[in-house]
Amino acid sequence: MSSIACKKHPHPTAASHSGSSGSGSSSVKLSMLCMIRTCLMLATASLWLGDAARDSENVDMAGAALENDEAGLQKSDCKGNLWRPYGTWKKAGAWGEVFDVRKVRETNCKSSTSGSYVLKRGLQNDADTLKIFKTEANAMQAAKDNGCVGIVEIEDTAPCLEKEGTNKANTCSATRKSDLLQWMAVKPIGFVMQKKDGGTLKDWLQFDHRGRPLQPNLATCGMALLDKVKKALDCLHGAQYIHGDVKPDNIFLSKVPNNPKTKAARCPAQLWLADLGLSSKIDNLVTQWNCYACSTHLPAGMFRDAPKNSDTLAISDGQGNFVASAAIDLCSFKLLAERMGASADSFEGLPVNCGSMGPRGTCNCRE
């Protein structure tokens, strides 16, 4: 808009409109132009302030409870890493969803193409979701610090997410100056981790309707994959955390070539345990789940509706809690090994009697 020198003029009257003086006519036009510009400026400011207030409220809802978090999931002024979303949100477990993201470089204001990452955020902005994500991030960070191979690597425990529709040039410029505003980026309950796109162990095993694996390379690859799972669990337990939800759905594999030229190439070279939403520090007391109807891969002592004599691990305290023990993961692993046709005797340190690990009760629940 061109600059207009606005001076104080009397409000235009009928007389001034009807006056024949050229200077009077110019004065009236200038006064009207100034009034129009002032109205436009006020309207724009009002809209911006309204948006800023709403964005501030959203940021507070997502991040107010994140303060004093030992893993770094704390309310941020968005001076840290900025991540640009792309693609569509996908469900991830019972409490979260994941979204492909790229790190925004501060030097040239372009999305980084190095590495593939996903941001996992909570479906709800409440205390329960915060607690779950906090524990999951802590467990992943502990595994990373312990040098664990086979646990999905956490990349950023305090990410800032660029808001959809934000002018990317403005966002990048603000990132360089560590001066991101609330309408440019939001601090979600969540974290960024490396993306694994080779599918899950469940996909690879190709279970039929009776739960039998149909994978033609199972005999060739099965033991090597199980060895990797066991080593990853042992390392995580060494970092003083349990996974708490070991099953084929939560184990991601590296890609296998379409036309492998050797026997070894038919097997996924790497795997990673993911979805640590049920992880806990070893020896901590955890509230028992209400249902044991659909969690067929977990020991009975984790559930309130399981008979007392079915808790062969003796992890239930009889007061609605269970002790987070490495035996929980090892029993889930033992069941996995048996489903893949391996003998539990092939692995050291597995519990002798894991008790009941099948459907029980009449309630419907989410795994």
Protein backbone atom coordinates (compact mmCIF):
# COMPACT_ATOMS: atom_id res chain seq x y z
CA MET A 1 0.00 0.00 0.00
CA SER A 2 1.39 3.45 -0.91
CA SER A 3 2.19 5.79 1.94
CA ILE A 4 -0.49 8.38 2.73
CA ALA A 5 0.30 11.29 5.02
CA CYS A 6 -2.69 11.28 7.33
CA LYS A 7 -3.33 14.52 9.17
CA LYS A 8 -6.23 15.44 11.38
CA HIS A 9 -9.16 16.73 9.33
CA PRO A 10 -12.66 17.62 10.42
CA HIS A 11 -15.25 14.95 9.77
CA PRO A 12 -16.66 15.55 6.26
CA THR A 13 -20.09 17.19 6.38
CA ALA A 14 -22.79 17.73 3.82
CA ALA A 15 -21.44 21.26 3.31
CA SER A 16 -17.94 20.02 2.60
CA HIS A 17 -19.28 17.44 0.12
CA SER A 18 -21.23 20.13 -1.71
CA GLY A 19 -18.44 22.70 -1.62
CA SER A 20 -16.93 23.81 -4.90
CA SER A 21 -13.40 24.42 -3.59
CA GLY A 22 -10.79 22.05 -5.10
CA SER A 23 -8.67 22.08 -1.95
CA GLY A 24 -11.73 21.20 0.14
CA SER A 25 -12.50 18.25 -2.11
CA SER A 26 -8.92 16.97 -1.85
CA SER A 27 -9.02 17.33 1.91
CA VAL A 28 -12.21 15.26 2.13
CA LYS A 29 -10.80 12.54 -0.13
CA LEU A 30 -7.59 12.34 1.91
CA SER A 31 -9.55 12.12 5.15
CA MET A 32 -11.71 9.30 3.78
CA LEU A 33 -8.68 7.39 2.52
CA CYS A 34 -7.06 7.65 5.94
CA MET A 35 -10.21 6.39 7.65
CA ILE A 36 -10.41 3.42 5.26
CA ARG A 37 -6.75 2.54 5.81
CA THR A 38 -7.16 2.77 9.59
CA CYS A 39 -10.20 0.46 9.49
CA LEU A 40 -8.34 -2.08 7.38
CA MET A 41 -5.36 -2.02 9.76
CA LEU A 42 -7.61 -2.49 12.79
CA ALA A 43 -9.49 -5.36 11.15
CA THR A 44 -6.24 -7.11 10.17
CA ALA A 45 -4.82 -6.69 13.68
CA SER A 46 -8.01 -8.07 15.18
CA LEU A 47 -7.88 -11.18 12.98
CA TRP A 48 -4.18 -11.75 13.70
CA LEU A 49 -4.66 -11.40 17.44
CA GLY A 50 -7.58 -13.83 17.34
CA ASP A 51 -5.51 -16.42 15.48
CA ALA A 52 -2.56 -15.89 17.78
CA ALA A 53 -4.76 -16.36 20.84
CA ARG A 54 -6.22 -19.59 19.46
CA ASP A 55 -2.76 -20.88 18.54
CA SER A 56 -1.47 -19.98 21.99
CA GLU A 57 -4.32 -21.94 23.52
CA ASN A 58 -3.50 -24.96 21.34
CA VAL A 59 0.16 -24.82 22.29
CA ASP A 60 -0.74 -24.61 25.97
CA MET A 61 -3.11 -27.59 25.67
CA ALA A 62 -0.44 -29.68 23.99
CA GLY A 63 2.52 -28.58 26.02
CA ALA A 64 1.52 -27.16 29.41
CA ALA A 65 2.02 -30.48 31.16
CA LEU A 66 5.38 -31.12 29.52
CA GLU A 67 7.44 -29.10 31.99
CA ASN A 68 10.03 -30.76 34.24
CA ASP A 69 10.31 -33.86 32.04
CA GLU A 70 13.50 -35.84 32.57
CA ALA A 71 13.60 -37.02 28.93
CA GLY A 72 13.43 -33.51 27.52
CA LEU A 73 9.73 -33.58 26.56
CA GLN A 74 9.17 -30.15 28.03
CA LYS A 75 7.20 -27.15 26.88
CA SER A 76 9.35 -25.45 24.29
CA ASP A 77 9.58 -21.91 22.99
CA CYS A 78 10.34 -23.63 19.66
CA LYS A 79 13.97 -22.62 19.54
CA GLY A 80 15.01 -26.22 18.94
CA ASN A 81 14.64 -28.43 15.88
CA LEU A 82 11.81 -27.59 13.51
CA TRP A 83 10.14 -30.41 11.59
CA ARG A 84 8.02 -30.05 8.45
CA PRO A 85 5.14 -32.56 8.06
CA TYR A 86 4.18 -34.26 4.82
CA GLY A 87 1.91 -37.14 3.90
CA THR A 88 -0.99 -38.26 6.09
CA TRP A 89 -1.32 -39.18 9.74
CA LYS A 90 -1.39 -42.92 10.48
CA LYS A 91 -2.56 -44.68 13.64
CA ALA A 92 0.25 -45.95 15.87
CA GLY A 93 -0.87 -48.06 18.82
CA ALA A 94 -3.81 -47.24 21.06
CA TRP A 95 -2.68 -43.74 22.08
CA GLY A 96 -0.77 -42.23 19.18
CA GLU A 97 -0.42 -41.49 15.50
CA VAL A 98 2.62 -41.00 13.29
CA PHE A 99 3.39 -38.56 10.51
CA ASP A 100 6.32 -38.37 8.11
CA VAL A 101 8.47 -35.32 8.83
CA ARG A 102 11.61 -33.67 7.48
CA LYS A 103 13.98 -31.54 9.52
CA VAL A 104 14.07 -27.91 8.35
CA ARG A 105 17.65 -26.82 7.87
CA GLU A 106 18.49 -23.47 9.43
CA THR A 107 21.16 -22.56 6.87
CA ASN A 108 19.31 -22.66 3.55
CA CYS A 109 15.67 -22.84 4.62
CA LYS A 110 15.00 -26.12 2.84
CA SER A 111 13.79 -29.46 4.13
CA SER A 112 16.59 -31.90 4.80
CA THR A 113 16.51 -34.96 2.58
CA SER A 114 18.98 -36.93 4.68
CA GLY A 115 17.34 -39.65 6.76
CA SER A 116 13.72 -40.66 7.11
CA TYR A 117 11.84 -39.67 10.24
CA VAL A 118 8.37 -39.86 11.72
CA LEU A 119 6.83 -37.76 14.45
CA LYS A 120 4.69 -39.71 16.89
CA ARG A 121 2.17 -37.61 18.78
CA GLY A 122 -0.61 -38.34 21.24
CA LEU A 123 -4.21 -38.65 20.14
CA GLN A 124 -5.26 -36.77 23.27
CA ASN A 125 -3.76 -33.83 25.17
CA ASP A 126 -4.27 -35.15 28.68
CA ALA A 127 -2.26 -36.34 31.66
CA ASP A 128 -2.54 -40.04 30.78
CA THR A 129 -1.22 -39.48 27.26
CA LEU A 130 1.58 -37.32 28.61
CA LYS A 131 2.61 -40.03 31.06
CA ILE A 132 2.65 -42.73 28.37
CA PHE A 133 4.66 -40.63 25.92
CA LYS A 134 7.03 -39.50 28.63
CA THR A 135 7.79 -43.08 29.66
CA GLU A 136 8.14 -44.21 26.04
CA ALA A 137 10.59 -41.42 25.26
CA ASN A 138 12.56 -42.14 28.43
CA ALA A 139 12.80 -45.85 27.56
CA MET A 140 13.96 -45.14 24.00
CA GLN A 141 16.51 -42.60 25.21
CA ALA A 142 17.81 -45.03 27.85
CA ALA A 143 18.20 -47.72 25.16
CA LYS A 144 20.04 -45.26 22.92
CA ASP A 145 22.35 -44.22 25.76
CA ASN A 146 23.01 -47.89 26.50
CA GLY A 147 24.08 -48.47 22.88
CA CYS A 148 21.21 -50.86 22.15
CA VAL A 149 20.95 -52.18 18.61
CA GLY A 150 17.44 -53.27 17.70
CA ILE A 151 15.41 -50.55 19.45
CA VAL A 152 13.98 -47.81 17.22
CA GLU A 153 16.24 -44.77 17.63
CA ILE A 154 14.75 -41.63 19.10
CA GLU A 155 15.88 -38.50 17.26
CA ASP A 156 14.24 -35.55 19.01
CA THR A 157 12.48 -35.56 22.38
CA ALA A 158 11.30 -31.94 22.11
CA PRO A 159 10.27 -31.36 18.49
CA CYS A 160 8.54 -28.31 17.10
CA LEU A 161 6.11 -28.98 14.25
CA GLU A 162 5.64 -26.44 11.50
CA LYS A 163 1.97 -25.55 11.20
CA GLU A 164 0.15 -26.37 8.00
CA GLY A 165 -0.24 -23.39 5.69
CA THR A 166 2.59 -21.44 7.30
CA ASN A 167 4.74 -19.41 4.90
CA LYS A 168 7.87 -21.57 4.69
CA ALA A 169 10.20 -18.66 3.98
CA ASN A 170 9.01 -16.86 7.12
CA THR A 171 9.35 -20.05 9.18
CA CYS A 172 12.87 -20.76 7.97
CA SER A 173 13.97 -17.18 8.55
CA ALA A 174 12.58 -17.31 12.08
CA THR A 175 14.30 -20.67 12.66
CA ARG A 176 17.69 -19.15 11.81
CA LYS A 177 17.08 -16.45 14.38
CA SER A 178 15.67 -18.90 16.97
CA ASP A 179 12.57 -16.75 16.99
CA LEU A 180 9.68 -19.01 15.96
CA LEU A 181 6.27 -17.60 16.85
CA GLN A 182 3.33 -19.64 18.07
CA TRP A 183 1.41 -19.22 14.83
CA MET A 184 4.36 -20.66 12.90
CA ALA A 185 4.93 -23.85 14.88
CA VAL A 186 3.34 -25.93 17.61
CA LYS A 187 4.91 -28.02 20.37
CA PRO A 188 3.01 -31.35 20.45
CA ILE A 189 3.06 -34.13 23.02
CA GLY A 190 5.32 -36.42 21.08
CA PHE A 191 8.79 -37.14 19.73
CA VAL A 192 10.61 -37.79 16.46
CA MET A 193 12.16 -41.17 15.69
CA GLN A 194 13.78 -42.82 12.72
CA LYS A 195 11.40 -44.32 10.18
CA LYS A 196 11.53 -48.04 9.44
CA ASP A 197 9.71 -48.89 6.24
CA GLY A 198 10.47 -52.57 5.69
CA GLY A 199 7.21 -53.72 7.27
CA THR A 200 6.65 -55.62 10.51
CA LEU A 201 7.56 -59.14 11.56
CA LYS A 202 3.83 -59.91 11.48
CA ASP A 203 3.68 -58.90 7.82
CA TRP A 204 6.76 -60.96 7.02
CA LEU A 205 5.57 -64.12 8.80
CA GLN A 206 2.28 -64.11 6.85
CA PHE A 207 0.12 -65.81 9.49
CA ASP A 208 -2.87 -67.73 8.23
CA HIS A 209 -6.32 -67.66 9.88
CA ARG A 210 -5.14 -70.25 12.42
CA GLY A 211 -2.09 -68.22 13.40
CA ARG A 212 0.41 -70.40 11.54
CA PRO A 213 3.26 -68.62 9.70
CA LEU A 214 3.36 -69.17 5.93
CA GLN A 215 6.69 -67.41 5.29
CA PRO A 216 8.68 -69.68 2.92
CA ASN A 217 12.02 -68.44 4.27
CA LEU A 218 11.17 -68.99 7.92
CA ALA A 219 13.52 -71.96 8.31
CA THR A 220 16.38 -69.95 6.80
CA CYS A 221 15.79 -66.66 8.64
CA GLY A 222 13.80 -67.47 11.78
CA MET A 223 16.57 -68.19 14.29
CA ALA A 224 18.68 -65.22 13.18
CA LEU A 225 15.72 -62.87 13.62
CA LEU A 226 14.87 -64.30 17.04
CA ASP A 227 18.50 -63.89 18.13
CA LYS A 228 18.31 -60.21 17.22
CA VAL A 229 15.05 -59.76 19.17
CA LYS A 230 16.52 -61.44 22.24
CA LYS A 231 19.69 -59.30 22.16
CA ALA A 232 17.63 -56.13 21.79
CA LEU A 233 15.50 -57.10 24.80
CA ASP A 234 18.55 -57.99 26.91
CA CYS A 235 20.07 -54.58 26.12
CA LEU A 236 16.83 -52.74 26.94
CA HIS A 237 16.61 -54.62 30.25
CA GLY A 238 20.21 -53.62 30.89
CA ALA A 239 19.05 -50.03 30.51
CA GLN A 240 16.52 -50.81 33.28
CA TYR A 241 13.38 -50.77 31.14
CA ILE A 242 10.98 -53.41 29.88
CA HIS A 243 9.23 -53.15 26.53
CA GLY A 244 5.93 -54.43 27.91
CA ASP A 245 4.31 -55.27 24.56
CA VAL A 246 6.54 -57.67 22.62
CA LYS A 247 4.67 -59.10 19.63
CA PRO A 248 5.23 -59.38 15.85
CA ASP A 249 3.24 -56.18 15.18
CA ASN A 250 5.78 -54.15 17.17
CA ILE A 251 8.93 -55.48 15.49
CA PHE A 252 10.00 -53.68 12.31
CA LEU A 253 12.29 -55.18 9.69
CA SER A 254 14.68 -53.83 7.10
CA LYS A 255 13.67 -54.22 3.46
CA VAL A 256 14.40 -57.43 1.58
CA PRO A 257 15.31 -57.25 -2.15
CA ASN A 258 12.57 -58.26 -4.58
CA ASN A 259 14.86 -60.78 -6.29
CA PRO A 260 17.46 -61.89 -3.71
CA LYS A 261 20.45 -63.59 -5.30
CA THR A 262 21.61 -65.50 -2.20
CA LYS A 263 19.99 -67.35 0.69
CA ALA A 264 21.17 -64.72 3.16
CA ALA A 265 19.65 -61.94 1.04
CA ARG A 266 16.21 -63.48 1.52
CA CYS A 267 16.33 -62.58 5.20
CA PRO A 268 15.81 -59.11 6.70
CA ALA A 269 19.27 -57.96 7.75
CA GLN A 270 18.08 -55.82 10.67
CA LEU A 271 15.12 -55.43 12.97
CA TRP A 272 13.95 -52.92 15.55
CA LEU A 273 11.54 -53.14 18.48
CA ALA A 274 9.07 -50.25 18.34
CA ASP A 275 5.95 -48.94 20.10
CA LEU A 276 7.24 -48.78 23.67
CA GLY A 277 4.01 -47.22 24.91
CA LEU A 278 3.67 -49.90 27.61
CA SER A 279 7.29 -49.73 28.73
CA SER A 280 8.14 -49.25 32.40
CA LYS A 281 11.21 -48.98 34.57
CA ILE A 282 12.17 -52.36 35.96
CA ASP A 283 10.84 -53.00 39.50
CA ASN A 284 8.31 -50.14 39.27
CA LEU A 285 4.71 -50.83 40.29
CA VAL A 286 2.32 -50.50 37.35
CA THR A 287 -1.50 -50.46 37.44
CA GLN A 288 -2.95 -53.74 36.20
CA TRP A 289 -5.01 -53.76 33.02
CA ASN A 290 -8.74 -54.42 33.32
CA CYS A 291 -9.06 -56.93 30.50
CA TYR A 292 -7.30 -60.13 29.52
CA ALA A 293 -9.52 -60.92 26.55
CA CYS A 294 -7.37 -59.84 23.61
CA SER A 295 -3.84 -59.49 25.01
CA THR A 296 -2.82 -63.03 24.18
CA HIS A 297 0.91 -62.32 24.23
CA LEU A 298 1.20 -61.02 27.81
CA PRO A 299 1.41 -62.84 31.18
CA ALA A 300 -1.69 -63.17 33.32
CA GLY A 301 -0.25 -61.23 36.26
CA MET A 302 -0.60 -57.98 34.28
CA PHE A 303 -4.42 -58.23 34.33
CA ARG A 304 -6.99 -57.82 37.07
CA ASP A 305 -9.41 -60.41 35.74
CA ALA A 306 -6.85 -63.24 35.67
CA PRO A 307 -7.15 -65.89 38.43
CA LYS A 308 -4.48 -65.60 41.12
CA ASN A 309 -3.13 -69.07 40.47
CA SER A 310 -2.40 -68.10 36.83
CA ASP A 311 0.20 -65.54 37.90
CA THR A 312 3.14 -67.96 37.82
CA LEU A 313 5.61 -65.06 37.58
CA ALA A 314 4.36 -63.70 40.93
CA ILE A 315 4.34 -60.13 39.61
CA SER A 316 0.88 -59.15 40.93
CA ASP A 317 0.80 -57.47 44.34
CA GLY A 318 -2.87 -58.40 44.88
CA GLN A 319 -3.81 -54.70 45.16
CA GLY A 320 -4.37 -53.92 41.50
CA ASN A 321 -0.71 -53.51 40.53
CA PHE A 322 2.06 -55.61 39.02
CA VAL A 323 5.82 -55.31 39.20
CA ALA A 324 7.55 -54.42 35.92
CA SER A 325 9.84 -57.40 35.48
CA ALA A 326 12.07 -58.47 32.60
CA ALA A 327 10.27 -61.82 32.82
CA ILE A 328 7.23 -60.17 31.19
CA ASP A 329 9.16 -59.47 27.97
CA LEU A 330 10.91 -62.83 28.10
CA CYS A 331 7.62 -64.71 28.35
CA SER A 332 6.29 -62.76 25.35
CA PHE A 333 9.50 -63.59 23.51
CA LYS A 334 9.18 -67.27 24.46
CA LEU A 335 5.69 -67.36 22.97
CA LEU A 336 6.95 -65.61 19.83
CA ALA A 337 9.77 -68.16 19.43
CA GLU A 338 7.32 -71.04 19.74
CA ARG A 339 5.00 -69.49 17.15
CA MET A 340 7.98 -69.27 14.79
CA GLY A 341 8.76 -72.95 15.31
CA ALA A 342 11.81 -72.50 17.54
CA SER A 343 12.51 -74.25 20.83
CA ALA A 344 12.66 -72.11 23.96
CA ASP A 345 15.66 -74.22 25.01
CA SER A 346 17.67 -72.51 22.27
CA PHE A 347 17.76 -69.30 24.31
CA GLU A 348 19.24 -68.63 27.73
CA GLY A 349 17.47 -66.97 30.62
CA LEU A 350 13.84 -67.57 29.65
CA PRO A 351 11.31 -68.22 32.46
CA VAL A 352 10.47 -71.89 32.93
CA ASN A 353 6.76 -71.34 33.59
CA CYS A 354 5.12 -68.28 32.08
CA GLY A 355 1.64 -69.39 33.04
CA SER A 356 -1.47 -68.56 31.05
CA MET A 357 -0.87 -66.36 28.01
CA GLY A 358 -4.08 -66.70 26.06
CA PRO A 359 -7.61 -65.25 25.84
CA ARG A 360 -9.36 -64.95 29.16
CA GLY A 361 -12.41 -63.08 30.40
CA THR A 362 -15.45 -61.80 28.53
CA CYS A 363 -14.61 -58.11 28.02
CA ASN A 364 -13.54 -56.50 24.78
CA CYS A 365 -10.40 -54.41 24.91
CA ARG A 366 -7.69 -52.90 22.75
CA GLU A 367 -4.24 -54.41 22.46
